């Protein structure tokens, strides 16, 4: 049976991930413990995948124990996590000045449903 693992550093950041089938290993001495010994002290393995975690690990994302999910880095402190797709989006209640849109006084709001910016008149 295939097993999916994420290798997490001391900050729960995904350092690596791999899928393996222990039943077809040529070298039966290759175990999760043996593989884990190849990583720095403090790095841990997290079994993941369908039915175990909310989503798949991606290198550079962080494992959130409360959500049991791998979360991308938050691009801006005001952004909100959409747990339906595990992506960050701008807060639709805030006004943003978007570089390249209008002048320095032009403000925009983010439309979550349409996934686009709308200029505030």
N, C-alpha and C. Protein backbone atom coordinates (compact mmCIF):
# COMPACT_ATOMS: atom_id res chain seq x y z
N UNK A 1 0.84 -1.18 0.00
CA UNK A 1 0.00 0.00 0.00
C UNK A 1 0.89 1.24 0.00
N UNK A 2 0.59 2.18 -0.88
CA UNK A 2 1.37 3.41 -0.97
C UNK A 2 1.21 4.24 0.30
N UNK A 3 2.32 4.81 0.73
CA UNK A 3 2.31 5.69 1.88
C UNK A 3 2.91 7.03 1.46
N UNK A 4 2.28 8.11 1.91
CA UNK A 4 2.71 9.46 1.57
C UNK A 4 3.21 10.13 2.84
N UNK A 5 4.41 10.71 2.78
CA UNK A 5 4.99 11.37 3.94
C UNK A 5 5.46 12.76 3.57
N UNK A 6 5.33 13.68 4.53
CA UNK A 6 5.92 15.01 4.43
C UNK A 6 7.04 15.06 5.45
N UNK A 7 8.16 15.65 5.07
CA UNK A 7 9.27 15.86 5.99
C UNK A 7 9.17 17.31 6.45
N UNK A 8 8.99 17.50 7.76
CA UNK A 8 8.77 18.83 8.33
C UNK A 8 9.99 19.27 9.13
N UNK A 9 10.36 20.55 8.97
CA UNK A 9 11.46 21.08 9.78
C UNK A 9 10.90 21.50 11.15
N UNK A 10 11.75 22.12 11.95
CA UNK A 10 11.36 22.48 13.32
C UNK A 10 10.23 23.50 13.36
N UNK A 11 9.91 24.17 12.25
CA UNK A 11 8.81 25.13 12.18
C UNK A 11 7.57 24.56 11.49
N UNK A 12 7.56 23.26 11.26
CA UNK A 12 6.48 22.57 10.55
C UNK A 12 6.40 22.95 9.08
N UNK A 13 7.49 23.49 8.54
CA UNK A 13 7.56 23.81 7.12
C UNK A 13 7.93 22.54 6.35
N UNK A 14 7.22 22.30 5.23
CA UNK A 14 7.49 21.10 4.43
C UNK A 14 8.85 21.27 3.74
N UNK A 15 9.77 20.40 4.12
CA UNK A 15 11.12 20.39 3.57
C UNK A 15 11.20 19.45 2.36
N UNK A 16 10.44 18.37 2.43
CA UNK A 16 10.44 17.37 1.36
C UNK A 16 9.16 16.54 1.53
N UNK A 17 8.80 15.81 0.50
CA UNK A 17 7.69 14.85 0.61
C UNK A 17 7.98 13.72 -0.35
N UNK A 18 7.44 12.55 -0.03
CA UNK A 18 7.66 11.40 -0.89
C UNK A 18 6.54 10.38 -0.70
N UNK A 19 6.37 9.57 -1.72
CA UNK A 19 5.41 8.46 -1.70
C UNK A 19 6.22 7.20 -1.90
N UNK A 20 5.92 6.17 -1.13
CA UNK A 20 6.64 4.91 -1.31
C UNK A 20 5.73 3.73 -1.00
N UNK A 21 6.10 2.61 -1.49
CA UNK A 21 5.36 1.37 -1.26
C UNK A 21 6.30 0.39 -0.56
N UNK A 22 6.16 0.23 0.74
CA UNK A 22 7.09 -0.63 1.48
C UNK A 22 7.01 -2.10 1.06
N UNK A 23 5.95 -2.51 0.40
CA UNK A 23 5.80 -3.90 -0.01
C UNK A 23 6.67 -4.25 -1.22
N UNK A 24 7.10 -3.27 -1.98
CA UNK A 24 7.89 -3.56 -3.17
C UNK A 24 9.34 -3.07 -3.06
N UNK A 25 9.76 -2.74 -1.85
CA UNK A 25 11.13 -2.29 -1.67
C UNK A 25 12.10 -3.44 -1.91
N UNK A 26 13.14 -3.17 -2.67
CA UNK A 26 14.17 -4.17 -2.89
C UNK A 26 15.02 -4.36 -1.65
N UNK A 27 15.27 -3.26 -0.95
CA UNK A 27 16.05 -3.30 0.28
C UNK A 27 15.08 -3.22 1.45
N UNK A 28 14.78 -4.33 2.07
CA UNK A 28 13.79 -4.37 3.15
C UNK A 28 14.27 -3.66 4.41
N UNK A 29 15.54 -3.28 4.45
CA UNK A 29 16.03 -2.55 5.61
C UNK A 29 15.67 -1.06 5.52
N UNK A 30 15.14 -0.65 4.36
CA UNK A 30 14.76 0.75 4.17
C UNK A 30 13.39 0.98 4.81
N UNK A 31 13.40 1.58 5.96
CA UNK A 31 12.17 1.86 6.70
C UNK A 31 12.03 3.36 6.86
N UNK A 32 10.89 3.80 7.36
CA UNK A 32 10.68 5.21 7.62
C UNK A 32 11.73 5.71 8.61
N UNK A 33 12.02 4.90 9.63
CA UNK A 33 13.04 5.31 10.61
C UNK A 33 14.40 5.47 9.96
N UNK A 34 14.76 4.56 9.06
CA UNK A 34 16.05 4.64 8.37
C UNK A 34 16.11 5.87 7.48
N UNK A 35 15.01 6.20 6.82
CA UNK A 35 14.98 7.39 5.98
C UNK A 35 15.06 8.64 6.85
N UNK A 36 14.33 8.63 7.96
CA UNK A 36 14.33 9.80 8.84
C UNK A 36 15.72 10.08 9.40
N UNK A 37 16.53 9.07 9.59
CA UNK A 37 17.90 9.25 10.09
C UNK A 37 18.75 10.06 9.13
N UNK A 38 18.33 10.19 7.89
CA UNK A 38 19.10 10.95 6.89
C UNK A 38 18.84 12.46 6.99
N UNK A 39 17.84 12.87 7.78
CA UNK A 39 17.50 14.27 7.91
C UNK A 39 18.06 14.84 9.20
N UNK A 40 18.20 16.18 9.28
CA UNK A 40 18.73 16.80 10.49
C UNK A 40 17.85 16.49 11.71
N UNK A 41 18.49 16.51 12.87
CA UNK A 41 17.76 16.31 14.13
C UNK A 41 16.67 17.37 14.24
N UNK A 42 15.51 16.98 14.66
CA UNK A 42 14.40 17.91 14.79
C UNK A 42 13.42 17.84 13.63
N UNK A 43 13.86 17.28 12.50
CA UNK A 43 12.94 17.11 11.37
C UNK A 43 12.08 15.88 11.65
N UNK A 44 10.80 15.99 11.34
CA UNK A 44 9.88 14.88 11.63
C UNK A 44 9.14 14.48 10.36
N UNK A 45 8.64 13.28 10.38
CA UNK A 45 7.83 12.77 9.28
C UNK A 45 6.37 12.85 9.68
N UNK A 46 5.55 13.27 8.74
CA UNK A 46 4.11 13.32 8.95
C UNK A 46 3.46 12.50 7.85
N UNK A 47 2.77 11.42 8.24
CA UNK A 47 2.04 10.66 7.23
C UNK A 47 0.88 11.53 6.77
N UNK A 48 0.64 11.55 5.49
CA UNK A 48 -0.37 12.44 4.94
C UNK A 48 -1.02 11.80 3.73
N UNK A 49 -1.92 12.52 3.12
CA UNK A 49 -2.60 12.04 1.94
C UNK A 49 -4.08 11.87 2.18
N UNK A 50 -4.75 11.35 1.18
CA UNK A 50 -6.20 11.20 1.21
C UNK A 50 -6.65 10.39 2.43
N UNK A 51 -7.58 10.93 3.17
CA UNK A 51 -8.11 10.26 4.35
C UNK A 51 -7.27 10.48 5.60
N UNK A 52 -6.10 11.12 5.45
CA UNK A 52 -5.23 11.35 6.61
C UNK A 52 -5.12 12.85 6.90
N UNK A 53 -4.84 13.64 5.87
CA UNK A 53 -4.77 15.09 6.02
C UNK A 53 -5.75 15.74 5.05
N UNK A 54 -6.02 17.02 5.27
CA UNK A 54 -6.99 17.74 4.44
C UNK A 54 -6.52 17.93 2.99
N UNK A 55 -5.19 17.99 2.81
CA UNK A 55 -4.65 18.21 1.47
C UNK A 55 -3.24 17.63 1.40
N UNK A 56 -2.64 17.74 0.24
CA UNK A 56 -1.31 17.17 0.01
C UNK A 56 -0.21 18.17 0.40
N UNK A 57 0.95 17.66 0.81
CA UNK A 57 2.05 18.57 1.16
C UNK A 57 2.72 19.14 -0.07
N UNK A 58 3.11 20.39 0.02
CA UNK A 58 3.87 21.05 -1.04
C UNK A 58 5.09 21.68 -0.36
N UNK A 59 6.25 21.47 -0.94
CA UNK A 59 7.47 22.01 -0.35
C UNK A 59 7.33 23.52 -0.19
N UNK A 60 7.64 24.01 0.99
CA UNK A 60 7.52 25.43 1.30
C UNK A 60 6.24 25.78 2.05
N UNK A 61 5.27 24.88 2.04
CA UNK A 61 4.04 25.11 2.81
C UNK A 61 4.26 24.68 4.25
N UNK A 62 3.33 25.01 5.12
CA UNK A 62 3.45 24.70 6.54
C UNK A 62 2.32 23.76 6.96
N UNK A 63 2.65 22.81 7.83
CA UNK A 63 1.62 21.92 8.36
C UNK A 63 1.00 22.59 9.57
N UNK A 64 -0.31 22.75 9.54
CA UNK A 64 -1.07 23.31 10.66
C UNK A 64 -1.77 22.16 11.37
N UNK A 65 -1.36 21.90 12.61
CA UNK A 65 -1.91 20.77 13.35
C UNK A 65 -3.39 20.94 13.65
N UNK A 66 -3.81 22.17 13.93
CA UNK A 66 -5.21 22.42 14.26
C UNK A 66 -6.11 22.12 13.06
N UNK A 67 -5.70 22.56 11.88
CA UNK A 67 -6.48 22.35 10.67
C UNK A 67 -6.19 21.00 10.01
N UNK A 68 -5.08 20.35 10.43
CA UNK A 68 -4.61 19.10 9.82
C UNK A 68 -4.47 19.28 8.31
N UNK A 69 -3.80 20.39 7.94
CA UNK A 69 -3.65 20.74 6.53
C UNK A 69 -2.31 21.43 6.29
N UNK A 70 -1.88 21.41 5.04
CA UNK A 70 -0.66 22.07 4.61
C UNK A 70 -1.04 23.42 4.01
N UNK A 71 -0.52 24.50 4.61
CA UNK A 71 -0.94 25.85 4.29
C UNK A 71 0.21 26.59 3.60
N UNK A 72 -0.07 27.28 2.47
CA UNK A 72 0.99 28.09 1.85
C UNK A 72 1.33 29.28 2.75
N UNK A 73 2.52 29.85 2.58
CA UNK A 73 2.87 31.04 3.36
C UNK A 73 1.85 32.16 3.11
N UNK A 74 1.51 32.88 4.16
CA UNK A 74 0.55 33.98 4.03
C UNK A 74 1.23 35.15 3.32
N UNK A 75 0.71 35.57 2.14
CA UNK A 75 1.38 36.61 1.36
C UNK A 75 1.31 38.00 1.98
N UNK A 76 0.31 38.22 2.82
CA UNK A 76 0.12 39.53 3.44
C UNK A 76 -0.61 39.28 4.75
N UNK A 77 -0.28 40.01 5.82
CA UNK A 77 -0.94 39.75 7.12
C UNK A 77 -2.46 39.95 7.09
N UNK A 78 -2.97 40.69 6.11
CA UNK A 78 -4.42 40.93 6.06
C UNK A 78 -5.17 39.86 5.26
N UNK A 79 -4.45 38.97 4.61
CA UNK A 79 -5.10 37.95 3.77
C UNK A 79 -5.79 36.90 4.64
N UNK A 80 -6.85 36.30 4.09
CA UNK A 80 -7.67 35.32 4.79
C UNK A 80 -7.52 33.96 4.12
N UNK A 81 -7.43 32.92 4.92
CA UNK A 81 -7.30 31.56 4.39
C UNK A 81 -8.67 31.00 4.01
N UNK A 82 -8.79 30.57 2.77
CA UNK A 82 -10.01 29.91 2.28
C UNK A 82 -9.78 28.41 2.44
N UNK A 83 -10.46 27.80 3.41
CA UNK A 83 -10.25 26.38 3.70
C UNK A 83 -10.95 25.46 2.71
N UNK A 84 -11.68 26.02 1.75
CA UNK A 84 -12.28 25.16 0.72
C UNK A 84 -11.25 24.77 -0.33
N UNK A 85 -10.21 25.64 -0.50
CA UNK A 85 -9.17 25.33 -1.48
C UNK A 85 -7.76 25.53 -0.92
N UNK A 86 -7.66 25.89 0.35
CA UNK A 86 -6.38 26.09 1.06
C UNK A 86 -5.52 27.15 0.39
N UNK A 87 -6.17 28.24 -0.04
CA UNK A 87 -5.47 29.37 -0.64
C UNK A 87 -5.81 30.64 0.15
N UNK A 88 -4.87 31.57 0.13
CA UNK A 88 -5.07 32.87 0.76
C UNK A 88 -5.70 33.83 -0.25
N UNK A 89 -6.57 34.72 0.23
CA UNK A 89 -7.09 35.79 -0.62
C UNK A 89 -7.20 37.07 0.21
N UNK A 90 -7.18 38.20 -0.46
CA UNK A 90 -7.29 39.48 0.26
C UNK A 90 -8.62 39.56 1.03
N UNK A 91 -8.60 40.27 2.11
CA UNK A 91 -9.81 40.48 2.92
C UNK A 91 -10.78 41.34 2.12
N UNK A 92 -11.97 40.82 1.80
CA UNK A 92 -12.92 41.59 0.97
C UNK A 92 -13.49 42.82 1.68
N UNK A 93 -13.28 42.92 3.00
CA UNK A 93 -13.79 44.07 3.74
C UNK A 93 -12.78 45.22 3.80
N UNK A 94 -11.56 44.97 3.32
CA UNK A 94 -10.53 46.01 3.36
C UNK A 94 -10.33 46.63 1.98
N UNK A 95 -9.80 47.85 1.98
CA UNK A 95 -9.46 48.53 0.74
C UNK A 95 -7.95 48.46 0.56
N UNK A 96 -7.52 48.18 -0.66
CA UNK A 96 -6.10 48.03 -0.97
C UNK A 96 -5.71 48.99 -2.07
N UNK A 97 -4.48 49.47 -2.02
CA UNK A 97 -3.90 50.24 -3.10
C UNK A 97 -3.03 49.26 -3.88
N UNK A 98 -3.45 48.91 -5.08
CA UNK A 98 -2.78 47.90 -5.89
C UNK A 98 -1.80 48.58 -6.84
N UNK A 99 -0.54 48.17 -6.77
CA UNK A 99 0.48 48.74 -7.64
C UNK A 99 0.10 48.50 -9.11
N UNK A 100 0.17 49.55 -9.91
CA UNK A 100 -0.12 49.45 -11.33
C UNK A 100 -1.57 49.69 -11.68
N UNK A 101 -2.41 49.91 -10.66
CA UNK A 101 -3.83 50.18 -10.91
C UNK A 101 -4.11 51.63 -10.51
N UNK A 102 -4.42 52.44 -11.49
CA UNK A 102 -4.70 53.84 -11.21
C UNK A 102 -3.48 54.56 -10.65
N UNK A 103 -3.74 55.53 -9.75
CA UNK A 103 -2.65 56.26 -9.12
C UNK A 103 -2.58 55.87 -7.64
N UNK A 104 -1.78 56.60 -6.88
CA UNK A 104 -1.59 56.26 -5.46
C UNK A 104 -2.85 56.44 -4.62
N UNK A 105 -3.86 57.12 -5.17
CA UNK A 105 -5.12 57.33 -4.45
C UNK A 105 -6.21 56.33 -4.85
N UNK A 106 -5.92 55.47 -5.83
CA UNK A 106 -6.92 54.50 -6.29
C UNK A 106 -6.98 53.33 -5.32
N UNK A 107 -8.18 53.05 -4.84
CA UNK A 107 -8.37 51.94 -3.90
C UNK A 107 -9.22 50.85 -4.55
N UNK A 108 -8.93 49.62 -4.17
CA UNK A 108 -9.64 48.46 -4.71
C UNK A 108 -10.11 47.56 -3.57
N UNK A 109 -11.15 46.81 -3.85
CA UNK A 109 -11.61 45.75 -2.94
C UNK A 109 -11.56 44.44 -3.72
N UNK A 110 -11.36 43.36 -2.99
CA UNK A 110 -11.28 42.04 -3.62
C UNK A 110 -12.65 41.39 -3.61
N UNK A 111 -13.07 40.88 -4.78
CA UNK A 111 -14.33 40.14 -4.90
C UNK A 111 -14.00 38.66 -4.81
N UNK A 112 -14.39 38.03 -3.71
CA UNK A 112 -14.04 36.63 -3.46
C UNK A 112 -14.72 35.71 -4.47
N UNK A 113 -16.00 35.95 -4.78
CA UNK A 113 -16.74 35.07 -5.69
C UNK A 113 -16.14 35.09 -7.10
N UNK A 114 -15.79 36.27 -7.59
CA UNK A 114 -15.25 36.39 -8.94
C UNK A 114 -13.73 36.30 -8.98
N UNK A 115 -13.10 36.30 -7.80
CA UNK A 115 -11.64 36.25 -7.68
C UNK A 115 -10.96 37.34 -8.50
N UNK A 116 -11.42 38.59 -8.27
CA UNK A 116 -10.84 39.71 -8.99
C UNK A 116 -10.93 40.97 -8.13
N UNK A 117 -10.15 41.97 -8.53
CA UNK A 117 -10.14 43.26 -7.86
C UNK A 117 -11.17 44.17 -8.51
N UNK A 118 -11.84 44.98 -7.68
CA UNK A 118 -12.82 45.94 -8.17
C UNK A 118 -12.39 47.31 -7.67
N UNK A 119 -12.27 48.25 -8.59
CA UNK A 119 -11.88 49.63 -8.23
C UNK A 119 -13.05 50.29 -7.53
N UNK A 120 -12.77 50.93 -6.42
CA UNK A 120 -13.80 51.66 -5.66
C UNK A 120 -13.88 53.07 -6.23
N UNK A 121 -15.07 53.47 -6.62
CA UNK A 121 -15.26 54.81 -7.22
C UNK A 121 -15.40 55.84 -6.13
